[in-house]
Every structure is written in C-alpha cells, then in structure tokens.
Amino acid sequence: MSFGKPVIDRNTSIHDLLKADQAAVITALVKLNKNFARLENPLLRKILAKRITIADACKIAGCSLHSFFETMRSIGFLLKDEPPEDASRQASYARHDTTASIELDVRPILALDKDPLKQIMIKTMELKPGQTLKIINSFEPLPLINLLSKKGFDSHTEVMDKDTVYTYFYLAEPAIYAAEAPLAEEHTDEESFSDLLKRFEGKLDKVDVRALDMPQPMVTILDRLDVMAAGNALFVHHKKVPVYLLPQLEEKGFKYSIRKEDEHNILLLIYKP
C-alpha cells in the first residue's frame, strides 16, 4: 500500500484520486471499465477530474460503487465505511431499456456552431413513460448530465469509439417530469453590460475562445476563472451563447452579462458579485 493516499468515499472527487496516484488510478479504472479511458485524455481529464465525485463517475460510466471501491482498495486506497448500494436503484438500472428511446444526434448541430440545448430540452418534453433520450455526441456532455440530473433524470454513458459517445437519459423516479422552458439565450443583469465594463475597468481578464472546438471553450473559460484574481472579471469573446456553461457559472457563484454583437460574436462578462 502506498503511504499518503487519502481515505475515500463516494463524495471524494476524481481530482483527489488522480492527485494521489494518477498513473495507477487511470490504469486500474480503465481495466475496470473501458468508459474510464477518457481519463487518459488530458483535455477531458480537466473536465472530469475537478467537477465530479466517485459516485458521479460510477453513474456516468455505468459501473457499481462496490466495484470501483474494490479496485481502489487493490491499489492502496483506504475506504470509509460505505453503506451497500441502493438495491432498488440497481434494479431500476437493470430494468432500464435503452431500445425504447428517442434519439438525437447533436454532432451535425455542433458542426454548424450551434448549441443543441434547445433541441435537447424539447426532446425531453416528448418522452413518454418508459422511454429514454439517447444523445449521440463526440464527447461526454457532463454539463448536460448535471443539468438534467437536477430535473430528475438519471443517465449512463457508452463510449462507442473516439468520435461516438451515447448518453442515455431516463427518469430516476416514476414521477411526471415537469419540463421547464428552454434556457433563455440572453441574460440581463441588474447593471447594463456597459456599466459593468466601467465598474471593472483595469480589472478585466480577457480570453477569445471563438477559434476553439468543443469542449475547449468551456474548459478554457472555467480554467481562467479558477485563477482569476479576486475582484476581477473575465471578458470573453465567444461565437455563441454557451448555454452548457451558464448553469455551472451559477453553481460556482458567478454572475454574468451577455451582449450579442452579431450572429457569431458574443461578448460575456463573468464576475463574482
């Protein structure tokens, strides 16, 4: 057993695991479940590691907590006392039929530099009892997973090849899903965009993500926010309203203001109140 590895539980972040022994953790997890192979990609590792827990990772990859913990135990991690997994949840997952699904391939939408969130939300409202929503993408849509989980959806992901990822969404509870309207494309703050620019004059960090491919714009913005000095704001040039990003900004306590200069030039100002 390696000295200094942390005691872990379902709420331990993947970042903490990798910090303790990145090579051993990735090797063991890929052997456990091929879906963890995305941790070998430095870019996707940035998206995954800091923002999901062991419990989240198991749900996304479609493996049990017990198997995950036993794998980590085998490479020297100590475990907190963990209650057995919810049998009813396991049974529900086993009964889940991915063949009864509404399918949406968002890759052509993204190829046109469009955000597919509105189409996805519309599809969730079309779901009938027992159906699932199958999203086809070229990467795992973690912000979408987090967003829909708050609306009562469970999910699991299957990596078919390097350009094809299936993510299935289905209601975790038999309750009726009260769908909300799609997120607005514009956001008006208490202060106007111009007023905010004046307030943060001399305290603006700037980044242009228009030339980056998905998911690099979101990763770049979140990374810049992680190192932004207190009292500063991040001024972003984007080619579209980053709807996947907005819920994460709100969760992290950021406010934002958006100005649409033209069809492919969106300005964002992100700051802490």
Protein backbone atom coordinates (compact mmCIF):
# COMPACT_ATOMS: atom_id res chain seq x y z
CA MET A 1 0.00 0.00 0.00
CA SER A 2 1.30 3.47 -0.93
CA PHE A 3 1.79 5.76 2.02
CA GLY A 4 -0.15 9.02 1.97
CA LYS A 5 -3.14 8.01 -0.15
CA PRO A 6 -6.36 9.60 1.14
CA VAL A 7 -9.27 7.80 2.74
CA ILE A 8 -12.02 7.88 0.14
CA ASP A 9 -15.81 7.65 -0.05
CA ARG A 10 -18.48 8.26 -2.66
CA ASN A 11 -18.06 12.03 -2.32
CA THR A 12 -14.31 12.03 -3.00
CA SER A 13 -13.50 13.88 -6.22
CA ILE A 14 -11.76 12.17 -9.12
CA HIS A 15 -9.23 15.01 -8.90
CA ASP A 16 -8.22 13.85 -5.40
CA LEU A 17 -7.76 10.28 -6.62
CA LEU A 18 -5.57 11.35 -9.52
CA LYS A 19 -3.57 13.71 -7.32
CA ALA A 20 -2.68 10.79 -5.08
CA ASP A 21 -1.52 8.42 -7.84
CA GLN A 22 -2.64 9.39 -11.35
CA ALA A 23 -0.95 6.60 -13.32
CA ALA A 24 -2.11 3.78 -11.03
CA VAL A 25 -5.67 5.13 -10.76
CA ILE A 26 -6.14 5.52 -14.51
CA THR A 27 -4.64 2.10 -15.28
CA ALA A 28 -6.87 0.40 -12.71
CA LEU A 29 -10.05 2.21 -13.74
CA VAL A 30 -9.58 1.56 -17.46
CA LYS A 31 -9.13 -2.12 -16.63
CA LEU A 32 -12.33 -1.99 -14.57
CA ASN A 33 -14.44 -0.21 -17.20
CA LYS A 34 -13.45 0.99 -20.68
CA ASN A 35 -15.52 4.16 -20.22
CA PHE A 36 -12.83 5.44 -17.84
CA ALA A 37 -10.39 5.56 -20.78
CA ARG A 38 -11.40 9.19 -21.26
CA LEU A 39 -9.24 9.98 -18.22
CA GLU A 40 -6.23 9.28 -20.43
CA ASN A 41 -7.11 12.39 -22.44
CA PRO A 42 -5.61 15.48 -20.72
CA LEU A 43 -8.38 17.77 -22.01
CA LEU A 44 -11.24 15.55 -20.89
CA ARG A 45 -9.40 14.91 -17.62
CA LYS A 46 -9.66 18.64 -16.93
CA ILE A 47 -13.42 18.50 -17.43
CA LEU A 48 -13.94 15.36 -15.36
CA ALA A 49 -11.47 15.41 -12.51
CA LYS A 50 -12.32 18.60 -10.63
CA ARG A 51 -16.04 18.53 -11.13
CA ILE A 52 -17.32 15.03 -10.41
CA THR A 53 -17.25 12.69 -7.44
CA ILE A 54 -16.71 8.94 -7.36
CA ALA A 55 -20.48 8.47 -7.20
CA ASP A 56 -20.94 10.68 -10.26
CA ALA A 57 -18.20 8.84 -12.15
CA CYS A 58 -19.78 5.45 -11.44
CA LYS A 59 -23.15 6.68 -12.65
CA ILE A 60 -21.66 8.13 -15.83
CA ALA A 61 -19.54 5.09 -16.62
CA GLY A 62 -22.22 2.57 -15.69
CA CYS A 63 -20.33 0.65 -13.02
CA SER A 64 -21.12 -0.11 -9.40
CA LEU A 65 -19.68 1.76 -6.45
CA HIS A 66 -18.69 -1.57 -4.93
CA SER A 67 -16.54 -2.48 -7.95
CA PHE A 68 -14.99 0.98 -8.02
CA PHE A 69 -14.09 0.87 -4.32
CA GLU A 70 -12.65 -2.64 -4.56
CA THR A 71 -10.49 -1.50 -7.47
CA MET A 72 -9.22 1.48 -5.49
CA ARG A 73 -8.62 -0.73 -2.45
CA SER A 74 -6.47 -3.03 -4.59
CA ILE A 75 -4.05 -0.17 -5.36
CA GLY A 76 -3.73 1.04 -1.79
CA PHE A 77 -6.60 3.42 -1.02
CA LEU A 78 -8.39 3.20 2.31
CA LEU A 79 -12.19 3.27 2.34
CA LYS A 80 -14.60 4.89 4.72
CA ASP A 81 -17.47 2.67 5.82
CA GLU A 82 -19.81 2.63 2.84
CA PRO A 83 -23.46 1.53 3.01
CA PRO A 84 -24.44 -1.05 0.40
CA GLU A 85 -25.73 0.36 -2.86
CA ASP A 86 -29.44 1.01 -3.02
CA ALA A 87 -30.84 -2.29 -4.29
CA SER A 88 -33.91 -0.61 -5.76
CA ARG A 89 -31.65 1.75 -7.72
CA GLN A 90 -29.63 -1.18 -9.04
CA ALA A 91 -32.83 -2.99 -10.01
CA SER A 92 -34.12 0.15 -11.74
CA TYR A 93 -30.91 0.40 -13.75
CA ALA A 94 -31.13 -3.28 -14.68
CA ARG A 95 -34.71 -2.81 -15.93
CA HIS A 96 -33.80 0.23 -17.99
CA ASP A 97 -34.44 -0.46 -21.70
CA THR A 98 -32.25 1.67 -23.96
CA THR A 99 -34.06 0.36 -27.05
CA ALA A 100 -37.21 2.35 -26.17
CA SER A 101 -35.60 5.68 -26.86
CA ILE A 102 -35.89 8.98 -28.68
CA GLU A 103 -32.60 9.60 -30.45
CA LEU A 104 -30.89 12.92 -31.12
CA ASP A 105 -27.51 13.18 -32.83
CA VAL A 106 -26.14 16.59 -31.85
CA ARG A 107 -22.90 16.33 -33.85
CA PRO A 108 -24.33 17.95 -37.01
CA ILE A 109 -25.72 20.80 -34.87
CA LEU A 110 -22.36 21.40 -33.23
CA ALA A 111 -20.65 21.24 -36.62
CA LEU A 112 -22.73 24.30 -37.60
CA ASP A 113 -21.50 26.14 -34.47
CA LYS A 114 -24.99 25.92 -32.97
CA ASP A 115 -25.87 24.97 -29.42
CA PRO A 116 -28.19 21.91 -29.29
CA LEU A 117 -29.61 22.54 -25.80
CA LYS A 118 -32.98 23.82 -27.00
CA GLN A 119 -33.49 20.76 -29.21
CA ILE A 120 -32.47 18.50 -26.31
CA MET A 121 -34.92 20.14 -23.90
CA ILE A 122 -37.71 19.81 -26.46
CA LYS A 123 -36.92 16.10 -26.79
CA THR A 124 -37.15 15.62 -23.01
CA MET A 125 -40.70 17.00 -23.18
CA GLU A 126 -41.58 14.47 -25.88
CA LEU A 127 -40.60 11.47 -23.75
CA LYS A 128 -43.37 9.03 -22.93
CA PRO A 129 -43.36 6.74 -19.85
CA GLY A 130 -40.64 4.09 -20.21
CA GLN A 131 -38.78 5.93 -22.96
CA THR A 132 -35.26 7.28 -22.78
CA LEU A 133 -33.47 10.11 -24.53
CA LYS A 134 -30.38 8.93 -26.40
CA ILE A 135 -27.92 11.74 -27.14
CA ILE A 136 -25.20 10.98 -29.68
CA ASN A 137 -22.13 13.18 -29.35
CA SER A 138 -18.37 13.09 -29.87
CA PHE A 139 -17.67 13.66 -26.16
CA GLU A 140 -19.42 13.14 -22.85
CA PRO A 141 -21.85 16.04 -22.18
CA LEU A 142 -21.16 16.48 -18.48
CA PRO A 143 -22.84 19.90 -18.15
CA LEU A 144 -25.98 18.41 -19.72
CA ILE A 145 -25.80 15.42 -17.36
CA ASN A 146 -25.59 17.78 -14.37
CA LEU A 147 -28.42 19.96 -15.70
CA LEU A 148 -30.84 17.09 -16.36
CA SER A 149 -29.96 15.31 -13.11
CA LYS A 150 -31.45 18.31 -11.28
CA LYS A 151 -34.66 17.73 -13.22
CA GLY A 152 -34.94 14.11 -12.04
CA PHE A 153 -33.11 12.33 -14.85
CA ASP A 154 -30.63 9.53 -14.32
CA SER A 155 -28.11 8.68 -17.04
CA HIS A 156 -25.35 6.44 -18.23
CA THR A 157 -22.78 6.80 -20.99
CA GLU A 158 -21.33 4.38 -23.52
CA VAL A 159 -18.20 5.22 -25.49
CA MET A 160 -18.53 3.52 -28.88
CA ASP A 161 -15.37 4.95 -30.47
CA LYS A 162 -13.30 8.14 -30.30
CA ASP A 163 -15.94 10.10 -32.26
CA THR A 164 -19.13 8.48 -30.97
CA VAL A 165 -20.48 8.67 -27.42
CA TYR A 166 -24.01 7.59 -26.44
CA THR A 167 -25.56 9.16 -23.35
CA TYR A 168 -28.92 7.81 -22.20
CA PHE A 169 -31.25 9.91 -20.02
CA TYR A 170 -34.22 8.46 -18.20
CA LEU A 171 -36.31 9.44 -15.22
CA ALA A 172 -34.88 8.09 -11.98
CA GLU A 173 -38.32 8.28 -10.33
CA PRO A 174 -41.73 7.42 -11.81
CA ALA A 175 -42.97 10.95 -11.12
CA ILE A 176 -44.10 13.09 -14.04
CA TYR A 177 -41.38 15.35 -15.33
CA ALA A 178 -42.46 18.97 -15.18
CA ALA A 179 -40.41 20.32 -18.05
CA GLU A 180 -39.28 23.90 -17.94
CA ALA A 181 -38.95 26.19 -20.91
CA PRO A 182 -35.58 26.11 -22.65
CA LEU A 183 -32.97 28.38 -21.18
CA ALA A 184 -33.04 31.93 -22.48
CA GLU A 185 -30.31 32.90 -24.90
CA GLU A 186 -29.91 36.33 -23.34
CA HIS A 187 -29.23 37.37 -19.79
CA THR A 188 -29.79 40.87 -18.47
CA ASP A 189 -28.05 41.75 -15.23
CA GLU A 190 -29.10 44.44 -12.76
CA GLU A 191 -26.37 46.56 -14.32
CA SER A 192 -26.04 47.04 -18.05
CA PHE A 193 -23.11 45.49 -19.88
CA SER A 194 -21.59 48.94 -20.40
CA ASP A 195 -21.94 49.81 -16.71
CA LEU A 196 -20.21 46.57 -15.76
CA LEU A 197 -17.34 47.33 -18.13
CA LYS A 198 -16.87 50.67 -16.39
CA ARG A 199 -17.02 49.03 -12.95
CA PHE A 200 -14.30 46.54 -13.85
CA GLU A 201 -12.14 48.95 -15.82
CA GLY A 202 -8.50 47.99 -15.24
CA LYS A 203 -9.59 44.69 -13.68
CA LEU A 204 -10.54 42.70 -16.78
CA ASP A 205 -9.01 39.35 -17.76
CA LYS A 206 -9.66 38.72 -21.46
CA VAL A 207 -9.95 35.50 -23.44
CA ASP A 208 -11.08 34.73 -27.00
CA VAL A 209 -12.47 31.20 -27.49
CA ARG A 210 -14.06 31.66 -30.92
CA ALA A 211 -11.46 29.56 -32.71
CA LEU A 212 -11.63 26.63 -30.27
CA ASP A 213 -13.54 23.39 -30.86
CA MET A 214 -15.91 21.88 -28.31
CA PRO A 215 -15.40 21.34 -25.43
CA GLN A 216 -12.34 23.58 -25.26
CA PRO A 217 -14.23 26.91 -24.95
CA MET A 218 -15.91 25.79 -21.73
CA VAL A 219 -12.72 24.24 -20.34
CA THR A 220 -10.72 27.37 -21.15
CA ILE A 221 -13.24 29.70 -19.52
CA LEU A 222 -13.54 27.60 -16.35
CA ASP A 223 -9.76 27.31 -16.08
CA ARG A 224 -9.36 31.09 -16.42
CA LEU A 225 -11.99 31.64 -13.73
CA ASP A 226 -10.13 29.26 -11.41
CA VAL A 227 -7.05 31.51 -11.46
CA MET A 228 -8.76 34.89 -11.80
CA ALA A 229 -7.80 37.40 -9.12
CA ALA A 230 -10.44 38.37 -6.57
CA GLY A 231 -12.31 41.48 -7.68
CA ASN A 232 -11.59 40.93 -11.37
CA ALA A 233 -13.99 39.97 -14.17
CA LEU A 234 -13.46 37.73 -17.19
CA PHE A 235 -14.24 39.31 -20.57
CA VAL A 236 -14.94 36.54 -23.11
CA HIS A 237 -15.23 36.64 -26.90
CA HIS A 238 -17.40 33.67 -27.94
CA LYS A 239 -19.04 32.64 -31.18
CA LYS A 240 -22.31 31.64 -29.48
CA VAL A 241 -24.12 31.83 -26.17
CA PRO A 242 -22.52 29.00 -24.11
CA VAL A 243 -25.72 27.55 -22.68
CA TYR A 244 -23.96 24.47 -21.27
CA LEU A 245 -21.63 26.75 -19.31
CA LEU A 246 -24.22 29.04 -17.72
CA PRO A 247 -25.58 26.58 -15.10
CA GLN A 248 -22.01 25.84 -13.98
CA LEU A 249 -21.29 29.55 -13.56
CA GLU A 250 -24.37 29.93 -11.37
CA GLU A 251 -23.40 26.89 -9.29
CA LYS A 252 -19.96 28.42 -8.69
CA GLY A 253 -21.46 31.72 -7.55
CA PHE A 254 -20.61 33.76 -10.65
CA LYS A 255 -22.83 36.32 -12.31
CA TYR A 256 -22.64 37.07 -16.00
CA SER A 257 -23.86 39.54 -18.56
CA ILE A 258 -24.13 38.85 -22.29
CA ARG A 259 -24.04 41.19 -25.26
CA LYS A 260 -24.69 39.91 -28.78
CA GLU A 261 -22.57 41.93 -31.22
CA ASP A 262 -23.61 39.87 -34.25
CA GLU A 263 -24.55 36.30 -35.17
CA HIS A 264 -21.08 34.90 -34.50
CA ASN A 265 -19.68 37.35 -31.95
CA ILE A 266 -20.97 37.09 -28.41
CA LEU A 267 -19.44 39.03 -25.53
CA LEU A 268 -19.64 37.71 -21.96
CA LEU A 269 -18.64 39.40 -18.75
CA ILE A 270 -18.27 36.93 -15.87
CA TYR A 271 -17.65 38.07 -12.30
CA LYS A 272 -18.28 37.41 -8.63
CA PRO A 273 -20.87 39.74 -7.04
